[in-house]
Amino acid sequence: QVQLVESGGGWVQAGGSLRLSCAASGRTFSSYVMGWFCQAPGKEREFVAAISWSGDSTVYADSVKGRFTISRDNAKNTVYLQTNSLKPEDTAVYYCAVARVRTPVVVTTSVNGYEYWGQGTQVTVSS
């Protein structure tokens, strides 16, 4: 059974940092794009960042460019999201996901383009 487990969320003051991790099990996703999304209360789930299987292709939402960095360790079947200079508007549940189709580069930032999802980890940023 495929399982994605996020960790690393928590409470932090504005300007702080958190490193989110997502460990996959049940199968190997080393040849798939993996992504991070977030969902704030009352809002739709939205794209944050994605990374190709090789790590050579990354895409970020405009709101996090220059502050967040996505990376992956295929040997550990794990993807990371380093979040720096956090803002109160970054407060949300963060989810990792695996792309529905195997592609060499990131081709979609749509929720519908991702098939497997974790349960999410809460990030709360206070002002």
C-alpha atoms as a PDB file:
ATOM      1  CA  GLN A   1       0.000   0.000   0.000  1.00  0.00           C
ATOM      2  CA  VAL A   2       1.334   3.395  -0.988  1.00  0.00           C
ATOM      3  CA  GLN A   3       1.851   5.767   1.907  1.00  0.00           C
ATOM      4  CA  LEU A   4       3.233   9.295   2.106  1.00  0.00           C
ATOM      5  CA  VAL A   5       4.009  10.655   5.558  1.00  0.00           C
ATOM      6  CA  GLU A   6       4.829  14.311   6.091  1.00  0.00           C
ATOM      7  CA  SER A   7       6.660  15.645   9.120  1.00  0.00           C
ATOM      8  CA  GLY A   8       8.479  18.746  10.283  1.00  0.00           C
ATOM      9  CA  GLY A   9       5.586  21.137  10.625  1.00  0.00           C
ATOM     10  CA  GLY A  10       5.022  23.242  13.705  1.00  0.00           C
ATOM     11  CA  TRP A  11       4.695  26.722  15.095  1.00  0.00           C
ATOM     12  CA  VAL A  12       7.234  29.408  14.225  1.00  0.00           C
ATOM     13  CA  GLN A  13       7.472  33.173  14.422  1.00  0.00           C
ATOM     14  CA  ALA A  14       7.515  35.255  11.273  1.00  0.00           C
ATOM     15  CA  GLY A  15      10.954  35.173   9.695  1.00  0.00           C
ATOM     16  CA  GLY A  16      11.646  31.696  10.999  1.00  0.00           C
ATOM     17  CA  SER A  17      12.297  28.441   9.159  1.00  0.00           C
ATOM     18  CA  LEU A  18      11.013  24.891   9.068  1.00  0.00           C
ATOM     19  CA  ARG A  19      12.158  21.857   7.121  1.00  0.00           C
ATOM     20  CA  LEU A  20       9.328  19.631   5.992  1.00  0.00           C
ATOM     21  CA  SER A  21       9.929  16.011   5.041  1.00  0.00           C
ATOM     22  CA  CYS A  22       7.806  13.507   3.166  1.00  0.00           C
ATOM     23  CA  ALA A  23       8.710   9.842   3.324  1.00  0.00           C
ATOM     24  CA  ALA A  24       7.162   7.508   0.770  1.00  0.00           C
ATOM     25  CA  SER A  25       6.649   3.815   1.227  1.00  0.00           C
ATOM     26  CA  GLY A  26       4.899   0.993  -0.571  1.00  0.00           C
ATOM     27  CA  ARG A  27       6.625   1.642  -3.876  1.00  0.00           C
ATOM     28  CA  THR A  28       9.490   3.609  -5.342  1.00  0.00           C
ATOM     29  CA  PHE A  29       8.769   7.058  -6.714  1.00  0.00           C
ATOM     30  CA  SER A  30      12.272   7.864  -7.848  1.00  0.00           C
ATOM     31  CA  SER A  31      11.137   8.261 -11.477  1.00  0.00           C
ATOM     32  CA  TYR A  32       8.164  10.526 -10.694  1.00  0.00           C
ATOM     33  CA  VAL A  33       7.782  14.223 -10.105  1.00  0.00           C
ATOM     34  CA  MET A  34       6.911  14.985  -6.486  1.00  0.00           C
ATOM     35  CA  GLY A  35       5.329  18.136  -5.201  1.00  0.00           C
ATOM     36  CA  TRP A  36       4.236  20.124  -2.185  1.00  0.00           C
ATOM     37  CA  PHE A  37       0.872  21.820  -1.850  1.00  0.00           C
ATOM     38  CA  CYS A  38      -0.725  23.789   0.951  1.00  0.00           C
ATOM     39  CA  GLN A  39      -4.257  24.446   2.121  1.00  0.00           C
ATOM     40  CA  ALA A  40      -5.284  27.221   4.473  1.00  0.00           C
ATOM     41  CA  PRO A  41      -8.635  27.166   6.286  1.00  0.00           C
ATOM     42  CA  GLY A  42     -11.484  28.035   3.946  1.00  0.00           C
ATOM     43  CA  LYS A  43      -9.242  27.999   0.897  1.00  0.00           C
ATOM     44  CA  GLU A  44      -8.554  25.544  -1.892  1.00  0.00           C
ATOM     45  CA  ARG A  45      -5.430  23.440  -1.943  1.00  0.00           C
ATOM     46  CA  GLU A  46      -2.750  25.248  -3.919  1.00  0.00           C
ATOM     47  CA  PHE A  47       0.597  24.455  -5.449  1.00  0.00           C
ATOM     48  CA  VAL A  48       3.817  25.317  -3.609  1.00  0.00           C
ATOM     49  CA  ALA A  49       6.692  23.531  -5.345  1.00  0.00           C
ATOM     50  CA  ALA A  50       7.572  20.471  -7.393  1.00  0.00           C
ATOM     51  CA  ILE A  51      10.712  18.621  -8.366  1.00  0.00           C
ATOM     52  CA  SER A  52      11.601  16.161 -11.113  1.00  0.00           C
ATOM     53  CA  TRP A  53      12.976  12.734 -10.363  1.00  0.00           C
ATOM     54  CA  SER A  54      16.524  13.863 -11.117  1.00  0.00           C
ATOM     55  CA  GLY A  55      16.195  17.087  -9.154  1.00  0.00           C
ATOM     56  CA  ASP A  56      17.215  19.100 -12.217  1.00  0.00           C
ATOM     57  CA  SER A  57      13.758  20.523 -12.788  1.00  0.00           C
ATOM     58  CA  THR A  58      12.037  22.503 -10.062  1.00  0.00           C
ATOM     59  CA  VAL A  59       9.020  24.793 -10.158  1.00  0.00           C
ATOM     60  CA  TYR A  60       7.840  27.153  -7.430  1.00  0.00           C
ATOM     61  CA  ALA A  61       4.760  29.211  -6.805  1.00  0.00           C
ATOM     62  CA  ASP A  62       5.519  32.914  -7.146  1.00  0.00           C
ATOM     63  CA  SER A  63       4.607  33.446  -3.509  1.00  0.00           C
ATOM     64  CA  VAL A  64       7.455  31.230  -2.258  1.00  0.00           C
ATOM     65  CA  LYS A  65      10.210  31.850  -4.813  1.00  0.00           C
ATOM     66  CA  GLY A  66      13.444  32.773  -3.103  1.00  0.00           C
ATOM     67  CA  ARG A  67      12.167  31.586   0.284  1.00  0.00           C
ATOM     68  CA  PHE A  68      11.380  27.874  -0.148  1.00  0.00           C
ATOM     69  CA  THR A  69      13.583  25.143  -1.589  1.00  0.00           C
ATOM     70  CA  ILE A  70      12.416  21.698  -2.646  1.00  0.00           C
ATOM     71  CA  SER A  71      14.810  18.760  -2.779  1.00  0.00           C
ATOM     72  CA  ARG A  72      14.681  14.984  -2.799  1.00  0.00           C
ATOM     73  CA  ASP A  73      16.720  11.950  -1.824  1.00  0.00           C
ATOM     74  CA  ASN A  74      15.682   9.060  -4.056  1.00  0.00           C
ATOM     75  CA  ALA A  75      17.717   6.560  -2.066  1.00  0.00           C
ATOM     76  CA  LYS A  76      15.510   7.399   0.926  1.00  0.00           C
ATOM     77  CA  ASN A  77      12.335   7.844  -1.133  1.00  0.00           C
ATOM     78  CA  THR A  78      11.965  11.207   0.564  1.00  0.00           C
ATOM     79  CA  VAL A  79      11.238  14.751  -0.589  1.00  0.00           C
ATOM     80  CA  TYR A  80      11.946  17.870   1.464  1.00  0.00           C
ATOM     81  CA  LEU A  81      10.724  21.438   1.578  1.00  0.00           C
ATOM     82  CA  GLN A  82      12.998  23.949   3.276  1.00  0.00           C
ATOM     83  CA  THR A  83      10.908  26.951   4.225  1.00  0.00           C
ATOM     84  CA  ASN A  84      12.722  30.168   5.143  1.00  0.00           C
ATOM     85  CA  SER A  85      11.596  33.714   5.900  1.00  0.00           C
ATOM     86  CA  LEU A  86       8.175  32.397   6.794  1.00  0.00           C
ATOM     87  CA  LYS A  87       5.229  34.781   6.783  1.00  0.00           C
ATOM     88  CA  PRO A  88       1.874  34.556   8.584  1.00  0.00           C
ATOM     89  CA  GLU A  89       0.230  34.009   5.193  1.00  0.00           C
ATOM     90  CA  ASP A  90       2.235  30.768   4.841  1.00  0.00           C
ATOM     91  CA  THR A  91       0.113  29.277   7.622  1.00  0.00           C
ATOM     92  CA  ALA A  92      -1.553  26.161   6.219  1.00  0.00           C
ATOM     93  CA  VAL A  93      -1.520  22.400   6.143  1.00  0.00           C
ATOM     94  CA  TYR A  94       1.255  21.267   3.829  1.00  0.00           C
ATOM     95  CA  TYR A  95       0.832  18.124   1.748  1.00  0.00           C
ATOM     96  CA  CYS A  96       3.267  16.187  -0.388  1.00  0.00           C
ATOM     97  CA  ALA A  97       2.105  14.378  -3.488  1.00  0.00           C
ATOM     98  CA  VAL A  98       3.315  12.188  -6.330  1.00  0.00           C
ATOM     99  CA  ALA A  99       2.584  13.029  -9.954  1.00  0.00           C
ATOM    100  CA  ARG A 100      -0.009  10.947 -11.730  1.00  0.00           C
ATOM    101  CA  VAL A 101       2.101  10.449 -14.852  1.00  0.00           C
ATOM    102  CA  ARG A 102       5.809   9.719 -15.116  1.00  0.00           C
ATOM    103  CA  THR A 103       7.575  12.648 -16.805  1.00  0.00           C
ATOM    104  CA  PRO A 104      11.249  13.740 -16.827  1.00  0.00           C
ATOM    105  CA  VAL A 105      10.409  17.309 -15.887  1.00  0.00           C
ATOM    106  CA  VAL A 106       7.720  19.116 -13.930  1.00  0.00           C
ATOM    107  CA  VAL A 107       4.790  19.570 -16.308  1.00  0.00           C
ATOM    108  CA  THR A 108       1.887  20.318 -14.012  1.00  0.00           C
ATOM    109  CA  THR A 109       1.177  22.381 -10.917  1.00  0.00           C
ATOM    110  CA  SER A 110      -2.464  21.329 -10.795  1.00  0.00           C
ATOM    111  CA  VAL A 111      -3.870  19.307  -7.905  1.00  0.00           C
ATOM    112  CA  ASN A 112      -5.414  16.982 -10.481  1.00  0.00           C
ATOM    113  CA  GLY A 113      -1.965  16.169 -11.848  1.00  0.00           C
ATOM    114  CA  TYR A 114      -0.998  14.367  -8.658  1.00  0.00           C
ATOM    115  CA  GLU A 115      -2.232  10.966  -7.585  1.00  0.00           C
ATOM    116  CA  TYR A 116      -0.916  10.014  -4.158  1.00  0.00           C
ATOM    117  CA  TRP A 117      -1.182  12.357  -1.185  1.00  0.00           C
ATOM    118  CA  GLY A 118       0.034  12.419   2.385  1.00  0.00           C
ATOM    119  CA  GLN A 119      -2.070  13.350   5.388  1.00  0.00           C
ATOM    120  CA  GLY A 120      -0.462  16.761   5.737  1.00  0.00           C
ATOM    121  CA  THR A 121       1.571  18.607   8.347  1.00  0.00           C
ATOM    122  CA  GLN A 122       0.444  21.868   9.946  1.00  0.00           C
ATOM    123  CA  VAL A 123       2.610  24.968   9.633  1.00  0.00           C
ATOM    124  CA  THR A 124       1.625  27.935  11.762  1.00  0.00           C
ATOM    125  CA  VAL A 125       3.459  31.249  11.469  1.00  0.00           C
ATOM    126  CA  SER A 126       2.754  33.930  14.026  1.00  0.00           C
ATOM    127  CA  SER A 127       3.336  37.631  13.455  1.00  0.00           C
END
